Amino acid sequence: MAGELNFEDLGYGAFFEANRESMGLGGFAVARVIAEYKGAYRVKNAAGEYLAKITGKQMFDAMSRQDFPAVGDWAAITDLGEERAVIHKVLPRKTIIKRKISGRTIEIQIIAANVDVAFVIESVDRDYNLNRFERYFAIANDGGIKPAIILNKIDLVSRQDLESKMAQIKNRFGDIDLITTSTITDAGLDELKKNMAKGKTYCFLGSSGVGKSSLINKLIGKKVIDTRAVDLRTDRGRHTTTGREMYFLKDGGIVIDNPGMREVGMADSGEGIDNLFDEITALAQNCKFPDCGHNNEPGCAVRAAIKSGKLDESKYENYANLKKEADYYEASELEKRQKDRQFGKFIKTAKEQLKRQGHKDY
C-alpha cells in the first residue's frame, strides 16, 4: 500500500502540523506509528512504511512509558533508506487512551493515541457487563475520546434476550451509540462501516474472545489477524492479538486492534469519571456537607436519589469503586513524585560535596 494513502487518509491534520512547526521540526518528515514491537516500531506515511527505532537520547530522557511512542502517534523521522527510519520526536497527542497496570510499582500503559472513537466491544453470550462498559468509558472520556458500544456475537442469543440487553444499555447510558453485530451472519457490519469515516481513527477495546479481531477481518474484507475460539473449559477468551496494530479500511477508516484486557485499571481518570457520571456529580453538589462521602451522612442528596429510585444503586457503586481506584493512583503518584524530588536533592547534594572534595568530574 506504499504511497497509496495521503496524510489526511492517515489522520494527519492542522493540530499536528501546528505542533510540528512550533517544535521546530519542519525539516523532518512525519509518519504515523502503526505497530509497536519490542524495541522497534513500524511507521507509515505517504511515501511508505518503515521499521523505526527511537534515539538513545529519547531513551535517556524518558521518565516513564508515556514518553515512548505509542500506536497512533505522529512522529518526526529521518528516512535511513531500505525501509528503515529513526524517530526523533513524538508530536503532542490530541487524544489518548491509557490504563493503570499493577506490578511492583503502578505504571501507566498507553493503549492508543490520537483516537477519534473508542468502540467498546462485548459479546452478548459471556462477556456482557454494564460496569465494564463504564470502566472503558471513563478512560475514553478522560482522554478526550468519544466512546461507543458494539454488542457482538448476537447470533448466539434470542431476539428477546438481545432486546433486553439493548434496553438495559439505553437505560444506563442514554443516547450512547450502539451497534449490534455478528461475524457469522454479517449482521450489523454495514451499519458499523457507515459509522467509520475516512481519515478518522477508531480503537477496538474489550476482553479476549469478544471478537475484535474477527470484526476487523470482516471490515478489511480478508483475514489479516489470526483468531481463536473461546476456551470452553475456562469460559475465557484466548489472547490472539499480541500487540497493538493499525489497519486501514477500503473506505478510508483507520482501526487499531488491541490485545484483550481482563483488567481495566483506572489511572489518572478522575475527570473522565466525573464527566461520565455527571448525574452523580450534579447530585453531590446538593449534599449538605461539601466533603460528603455518600454513605450515612445526613442530608446526602446521592443516597436520597438512590432511596427514591431516581439513581440506580449499582451505577453508584461502580462510580464509587472507579473513584476509589483513581484516587489511590493519584495518591501513589504523589508519593512517587515526592520520592523522586528527594532523590534528586540527594544526588545534587552528593555532587556538591564531591566538588568541594576536589573531584573535578563533578
Protein backbone atom coordinates (compact mmCIF):
# COMPACT_ATOMS: atom_id res chain seq x y z
CA MET A 1 0.00 0.00 0.00
CA ALA A 2 3.07 2.20 -0.03
CA GLY A 3 2.28 5.60 -1.48
CA GLU A 4 -1.47 4.96 -1.81
CA LEU A 5 -2.53 7.00 1.22
CA ASN A 6 -2.07 10.73 1.78
CA PHE A 7 -1.57 12.41 5.13
CA GLU A 8 -5.30 13.15 5.57
CA ASP A 9 -6.12 9.47 4.96
CA LEU A 10 -3.67 8.62 7.75
CA GLY A 11 -5.38 11.01 10.17
CA TYR A 12 -2.98 13.96 9.91
CA GLY A 13 -4.43 17.44 10.34
CA ALA A 14 -3.88 21.06 11.39
CA PHE A 15 -3.34 20.17 15.06
CA PHE A 16 -0.29 18.03 14.32
CA GLU A 17 1.11 20.36 11.66
CA ALA A 18 0.92 23.35 14.01
CA ASN A 19 2.80 21.40 16.69
CA ARG A 20 5.43 20.22 14.22
CA GLU A 21 6.14 23.81 13.24
CA SER A 22 6.11 25.12 16.82
CA MET A 23 8.61 22.42 17.86
CA GLY A 24 10.98 23.38 15.05
CA LEU A 25 10.56 20.06 13.27
CA GLY A 26 9.59 21.47 9.89
CA GLY A 27 12.71 19.97 8.30
CA PHE A 28 11.77 16.42 9.28
CA ALA A 29 9.39 14.04 7.57
CA VAL A 30 6.46 12.87 9.69
CA ALA A 31 5.00 9.39 9.92
CA ARG A 32 2.36 7.65 11.99
CA VAL A 33 3.20 4.81 14.36
CA ILE A 34 1.11 1.86 13.13
CA ALA A 35 2.61 -1.01 15.15
CA GLU A 36 4.73 -1.48 18.24
CA TYR A 37 7.27 -4.26 18.77
CA LYS A 38 9.89 -4.93 21.42
CA GLY A 39 12.48 -2.22 20.85
CA ALA A 40 11.10 -1.09 17.49
CA TYR A 41 8.11 0.46 15.76
CA ARG A 42 6.51 0.35 12.34
CA VAL A 43 5.69 3.80 10.99
CA LYS A 44 3.83 4.88 7.86
CA ASN A 45 3.47 8.00 5.74
CA ALA A 46 2.55 8.80 2.16
CA ALA A 47 5.95 7.57 0.96
CA GLY A 48 5.73 4.12 2.52
CA GLU A 49 6.32 2.05 5.64
CA TYR A 50 9.47 1.89 7.75
CA LEU A 51 10.84 -0.13 10.63
CA ALA A 52 11.89 2.57 13.07
CA LYS A 53 13.77 2.94 16.34
CA ILE A 54 14.00 5.82 18.76
CA THR A 55 17.26 7.59 19.54
CA GLY A 56 19.39 6.85 22.58
CA LYS A 57 18.70 10.39 23.81
CA GLN A 58 14.96 9.71 23.80
CA MET A 59 15.50 6.58 25.87
CA PHE A 60 17.69 8.50 28.31
CA ASP A 61 15.24 11.42 28.62
CA ALA A 62 12.15 9.21 29.04
CA MET A 63 10.71 9.46 32.55
CA SER A 64 8.02 6.78 32.07
CA ARG A 65 6.33 4.57 29.49
CA GLN A 66 4.21 7.53 28.44
CA ASP A 67 7.30 9.21 26.96
CA PHE A 68 7.80 6.43 24.41
CA PRO A 69 5.95 6.27 21.07
CA ALA A 70 2.58 4.52 21.02
CA VAL A 71 0.39 3.21 18.22
CA GLY A 72 -1.47 6.18 16.77
CA ASP A 73 1.27 8.71 17.49
CA TRP A 74 2.69 11.07 14.87
CA ALA A 75 6.47 11.30 14.90
CA ALA A 76 9.27 13.28 13.25
CA ILE A 77 11.53 10.80 11.44
CA THR A 78 14.63 10.50 9.31
CA ASP A 79 14.47 8.04 6.41
CA LEU A 80 17.61 5.86 6.53
CA GLY A 81 16.77 4.02 3.32
CA GLU A 82 15.93 0.33 2.85
CA GLU A 83 12.60 0.92 4.67
CA ARG A 84 14.32 1.88 7.92
CA ALA A 85 13.96 5.10 9.89
CA VAL A 86 14.84 6.88 13.13
CA ILE A 87 12.18 8.52 15.30
CA HIS A 88 13.46 11.84 16.67
CA LYS A 89 10.40 13.30 18.39
CA VAL A 90 6.80 12.35 19.06
CA LEU A 91 4.32 15.14 18.35
CA PRO A 92 1.90 16.10 21.15
CA ARG A 93 -1.11 13.79 21.38
CA LYS A 94 -4.56 15.13 20.54
CA THR A 95 -6.30 12.32 22.46
CA ILE A 96 -5.08 9.31 24.41
CA ILE A 97 -6.34 6.06 25.92
CA LYS A 98 -4.33 4.80 28.87
CA ARG A 99 -4.78 2.42 31.77
CA LYS A 100 -3.08 1.55 35.03
CA ILE A 101 -1.07 -1.67 35.16
CA SER A 102 -0.11 -3.09 38.52
CA GLY A 103 3.14 -4.75 39.47
CA ARG A 104 5.81 -3.90 41.98
CA THR A 105 5.02 -0.31 41.09
CA ILE A 106 1.95 1.23 39.48
CA GLU A 107 2.63 2.24 35.89
CA ILE A 108 0.61 3.79 33.08
CA GLN A 109 0.25 1.94 29.79
CA ILE A 110 -0.66 3.84 26.65
CA ILE A 111 -3.26 1.81 24.80
CA ALA A 112 -3.53 4.11 21.77
CA ALA A 113 -3.02 7.75 20.80
CA ASN A 114 -4.88 10.21 18.58
CA VAL A 115 -8.09 8.17 18.51
CA ASP A 116 -11.43 9.71 17.47
CA VAL A 117 -13.82 7.00 18.69
CA ALA A 118 -13.30 4.09 21.09
CA PHE A 119 -15.55 1.14 20.26
CA VAL A 120 -16.03 -0.88 23.45
CA ILE A 121 -16.89 -4.43 22.40
CA GLU A 122 -18.64 -7.04 24.50
CA SER A 123 -20.07 -10.36 23.40
CA VAL A 124 -23.70 -10.96 24.37
CA ASP A 125 -23.19 -14.58 25.41
CA ARG A 126 -20.49 -14.50 28.13
CA ASP A 127 -18.83 -11.11 28.43
CA TYR A 128 -21.81 -8.78 28.84
CA ASN A 129 -21.32 -6.46 31.84
CA LEU A 130 -22.58 -2.89 32.27
CA ASN A 131 -19.94 -1.99 34.86
CA ARG A 132 -17.16 -2.98 32.49
CA PHE A 133 -18.59 -0.65 29.85
CA GLU A 134 -18.32 2.19 32.36
CA ARG A 135 -14.69 1.41 33.07
CA TYR A 136 -13.79 1.73 29.40
CA PHE A 137 -15.97 4.84 29.02
CA ALA A 138 -14.13 6.52 31.91
CA ILE A 139 -10.68 6.11 30.36
CA ALA A 140 -12.03 7.16 26.95
CA ASN A 141 -13.69 10.29 28.33
CA ASP A 142 -10.58 11.22 30.29
CA GLY A 143 -8.52 11.09 27.09
CA GLY A 144 -10.97 13.24 25.11
CA ILE A 145 -12.29 10.30 23.09
CA LYS A 146 -15.90 9.56 22.23
CA PRO A 147 -16.96 6.07 23.40
CA ALA A 148 -19.41 3.82 21.56
CA ILE A 149 -20.67 0.26 22.09
CA ILE A 150 -20.54 -2.82 19.89
CA LEU A 151 -22.57 -5.80 21.10
CA ASN A 152 -21.07 -8.71 19.19
CA LYS A 153 -22.00 -12.37 18.60
CA ILE A 154 -25.71 -11.59 18.52
CA ASP A 155 -26.27 -14.85 16.59
CA LEU A 156 -25.76 -16.68 19.90
CA VAL A 157 -28.78 -15.20 21.72
CA SER A 158 -32.51 -14.87 21.07
CA ARG A 159 -34.01 -11.67 19.75
CA GLN A 160 -35.82 -11.23 23.04
CA ASP A 161 -32.57 -11.56 25.04
CA LEU A 162 -30.80 -9.11 22.72
CA GLU A 163 -33.58 -6.53 23.01
CA SER A 164 -33.46 -6.89 26.80
CA LYS A 165 -29.72 -6.14 26.85
CA MET A 166 -30.13 -3.19 24.47
CA ALA A 167 -32.85 -1.76 26.74
CA GLN A 168 -30.52 -2.11 29.76
CA ILE A 169 -27.78 -0.23 27.90
CA LYS A 170 -30.13 2.57 26.84
CA ASN A 171 -31.48 2.84 30.37
CA ARG A 172 -27.97 3.02 31.87
CA PHE A 173 -26.13 5.08 29.24
CA GLY A 174 -28.83 7.10 27.50
CA ASP A 175 -28.07 8.02 23.88
CA ILE A 176 -24.73 6.20 23.61
CA ASP A 177 -24.07 4.96 20.06
CA LEU A 178 -24.87 1.23 19.99
CA ILE A 179 -24.26 -1.21 17.15
CA THR A 180 -25.13 -4.92 17.28
CA THR A 181 -23.04 -7.28 15.14
CA SER A 182 -22.30 -10.87 14.19
CA THR A 183 -19.34 -12.05 12.13
CA ILE A 184 -21.21 -15.31 11.46
CA THR A 185 -24.32 -13.78 9.86
CA ASP A 186 -22.68 -10.40 8.98
CA ALA A 187 -25.50 -8.64 10.83
CA GLY A 188 -24.69 -5.02 11.64
CA LEU A 189 -21.44 -4.92 9.65
CA ASP A 190 -22.80 -2.47 7.08
CA GLU A 191 -24.00 -0.18 9.86
CA LEU A 192 -20.58 -0.38 11.52
CA LYS A 193 -18.85 0.57 8.26
CA LYS A 194 -21.18 3.56 7.85
CA ASN A 195 -20.12 4.78 11.28
CA MET A 196 -16.42 4.79 10.33
CA ALA A 197 -15.42 7.90 8.38
CA LYS A 198 -12.43 8.34 6.09
CA GLY A 199 -9.34 9.62 7.88
CA LYS A 200 -10.80 9.01 11.35
CA THR A 201 -9.18 6.62 13.83
CA TYR A 202 -11.15 4.00 15.77
CA CYS A 203 -9.84 1.88 18.62
CA PHE A 204 -11.38 -1.52 19.41
CA LEU A 205 -11.36 -2.24 23.16
CA GLY A 206 -12.58 -5.31 25.01
CA SER A 207 -11.75 -8.56 26.72
CA SER A 208 -10.19 -11.54 24.96
CA GLY A 209 -12.64 -13.58 22.93
CA VAL A 210 -15.25 -10.88 22.28
CA GLY A 211 -14.46 -10.91 18.56
CA LYS A 212 -12.42 -7.72 18.00
CA SER A 213 -10.04 -9.31 15.52
CA SER A 214 -12.82 -11.15 13.70
CA LEU A 215 -14.69 -7.87 13.24
CA ILE A 216 -11.59 -6.17 11.85
CA ASN A 217 -11.03 -9.04 9.42
CA LYS A 218 -14.61 -8.59 8.21
CA LEU A 219 -14.17 -4.82 7.84
CA ILE A 220 -10.95 -5.27 5.86
CA GLY A 221 -12.51 -7.98 3.71
CA LYS A 222 -9.87 -10.65 4.31
CA LYS A 223 -8.22 -12.49 7.18
CA VAL A 224 -5.21 -10.47 8.27
CA ILE A 225 -5.43 -11.20 12.01
CA ASP A 226 -5.37 -14.71 13.48
CA THR A 227 -8.40 -15.58 15.61
CA ARG A 228 -9.22 -18.38 18.02
CA ALA A 229 -12.37 -19.66 19.65
CA VAL A 230 -13.19 -19.05 23.29
CA ASP A 231 -11.76 -21.73 25.60
CA LEU A 232 -14.91 -23.57 26.72
CA ARG A 233 -13.15 -25.11 29.74
CA THR A 234 -12.37 -21.75 31.33
CA ASP A 235 -15.09 -19.69 29.63
CA ARG A 236 -12.39 -17.14 28.82
CA GLY A 237 -11.20 -15.67 25.57
CA ARG A 238 -7.74 -16.57 24.35
CA HIS A 239 -5.21 -13.80 23.73
CA THR A 240 -4.77 -13.90 19.95
CA THR A 241 -3.72 -10.32 19.28
CA THR A 242 -0.32 -9.94 20.98
CA GLY A 243 0.43 -6.33 20.08
CA ARG A 244 -1.30 -3.13 19.08
CA GLU A 245 -1.55 -2.56 15.36
CA MET A 246 -3.28 -0.16 13.00
CA TYR A 247 -5.26 -1.24 9.94
CA PHE A 248 -6.59 0.80 7.02
CA LEU A 249 -10.04 0.02 5.64
CA LYS A 250 -11.03 0.24 1.97
CA ASP A 251 -13.47 3.07 2.67
CA GLY A 252 -10.82 5.10 4.49
CA GLY A 253 -11.42 4.39 8.18
CA ILE A 254 -8.48 3.54 10.44
CA VAL A 255 -8.76 0.81 13.08
CA ILE A 256 -6.45 -0.01 16.00
CA ASP A 257 -6.68 -3.56 17.34
CA ASN A 258 -5.59 -4.27 20.90
CA PRO A 259 -4.79 -7.37 22.94
CA GLY A 260 -7.72 -8.42 25.09
CA MET A 261 -7.71 -6.85 28.54
CA ARG A 262 -9.05 -8.79 31.51
CA GLU A 263 -8.30 -5.84 33.79
CA VAL A 264 -9.03 -2.18 33.08
CA GLY A 265 -7.27 -0.28 35.85
CA MET A 266 -8.13 3.34 36.48
CA ALA A 267 -5.22 5.71 36.03
CA ASP A 268 -5.46 9.48 36.49
CA SER A 269 -9.03 9.36 35.16
CA GLY A 270 -10.78 11.42 37.83
CA GLU A 271 -12.10 14.00 35.40
CA GLY A 272 -13.22 11.31 32.96
CA ILE A 273 -15.13 9.53 35.73
CA ASP A 274 -16.83 12.77 36.83
CA ASN A 275 -17.84 13.53 33.24
CA LEU A 276 -19.17 10.02 32.70
CA PHE A 277 -21.18 10.07 35.91
CA ASP A 278 -22.28 13.70 35.57
CA GLU A 279 -25.67 12.81 37.08
CA ILE A 280 -23.97 11.75 40.33
CA THR A 281 -21.59 14.71 40.21
CA ALA A 282 -24.57 17.08 39.92
CA LEU A 283 -26.43 15.36 42.79
CA ALA A 284 -23.34 15.59 45.03
CA GLN A 285 -23.40 19.38 44.75
CA ASN A 286 -26.70 19.34 46.67
CA CYS A 287 -25.35 17.34 49.61
CA LYS A 288 -25.47 19.09 52.99
CA PHE A 289 -21.71 18.70 53.52
CA PRO A 290 -19.15 19.55 50.79
CA ASP A 291 -16.99 16.54 51.76
CA CYS A 292 -19.91 14.12 51.87
CA GLY A 293 -18.82 10.51 51.39
CA HIS A 294 -22.34 9.45 50.28
CA ASN A 295 -22.55 6.78 52.96
CA ASN A 296 -24.71 7.57 56.01
CA GLU A 297 -24.18 11.32 56.26
CA PRO A 298 -27.31 13.41 56.94
CA GLY A 299 -28.56 15.46 54.02
CA CYS A 300 -26.85 13.32 51.36
CA ALA A 301 -28.53 14.02 48.03
CA VAL A 302 -26.92 10.98 46.38
CA ARG A 303 -28.28 8.50 48.97
CA ALA A 304 -31.67 10.20 48.78
CA ALA A 305 -31.70 9.71 44.98
CA ILE A 306 -30.85 6.03 45.40
CA LYS A 307 -33.56 5.56 48.01
CA SER A 308 -36.19 7.23 45.81
CA GLY A 309 -35.20 5.14 42.78
CA LYS A 310 -34.01 8.16 40.80
CA LEU A 311 -30.43 6.81 40.82
CA ASP A 312 -29.54 3.16 40.21
CA GLU A 313 -27.59 1.83 43.21
CA SER A 314 -25.38 -0.47 41.12
CA LYS A 315 -24.40 2.50 38.96
CA TYR A 316 -23.42 4.47 42.06
CA GLU A 317 -21.42 1.52 43.45
CA ASN A 318 -19.45 1.27 40.22
CA TYR A 319 -18.84 5.04 40.31
CA ALA A 320 -17.55 4.77 43.89
CA ASN A 321 -15.21 1.90 43.00
CA LEU A 322 -13.79 3.71 39.98
CA LYS A 323 -13.24 6.91 42.00
CA LYS A 324 -11.51 4.90 44.73
CA GLU A 325 -9.10 3.39 42.18
CA ALA A 326 -8.37 6.76 40.58
CA ASP A 327 -7.80 8.40 43.98
CA TYR A 328 -5.46 5.58 45.01
CA TYR A 329 -3.44 6.01 41.83
CA GLU A 330 -3.26 9.79 42.33
CA ALA A 331 -2.01 9.33 45.91
CA SER A 332 0.58 6.78 44.74
CA GLU A 333 1.77 9.15 42.02
CA LEU A 334 2.11 12.00 44.51
CA GLU A 335 4.18 9.80 46.81
CA LYS A 336 6.34 8.72 43.86
CA ARG A 337 6.96 12.35 42.80
CA GLN A 338 7.92 13.27 46.34
CA LYS A 339 10.41 10.40 46.47
CA ASP A 340 11.83 11.44 43.08
CA ARG A 341 12.32 15.00 44.33
CA GLN A 342 14.02 13.75 47.48
CA PHE A 343 16.31 11.52 45.42
CA GLY A 344 17.10 14.44 43.10
CA LYS A 345 18.06 16.60 46.09
CA PHE A 346 20.25 13.78 47.42
CA ILE A 347 22.11 13.49 44.09
CA LYS A 348 22.58 17.29 43.92
CA THR A 349 23.94 17.43 47.47
CA ALA A 350 26.27 14.49 46.82
CA LYS A 351 27.69 16.13 43.69
CA GLU A 352 28.30 19.41 45.55
CA GLN A 353 30.14 17.53 48.30
CA LEU A 354 32.31 15.74 45.74
CA LYS A 355 33.16 19.08 44.11
CA ARG A 356 34.23 20.52 47.45
CA GLN A 357 36.42 17.47 47.95
CA GLY A 358 38.22 18.20 44.70
CA HIS A 359 36.61 15.72 42.32
CA LYS A 360 36.75 17.78 39.11
CA ASP A 361 34.45 15.44 37.16
CA TYR A 362 31.61 16.67 39.37
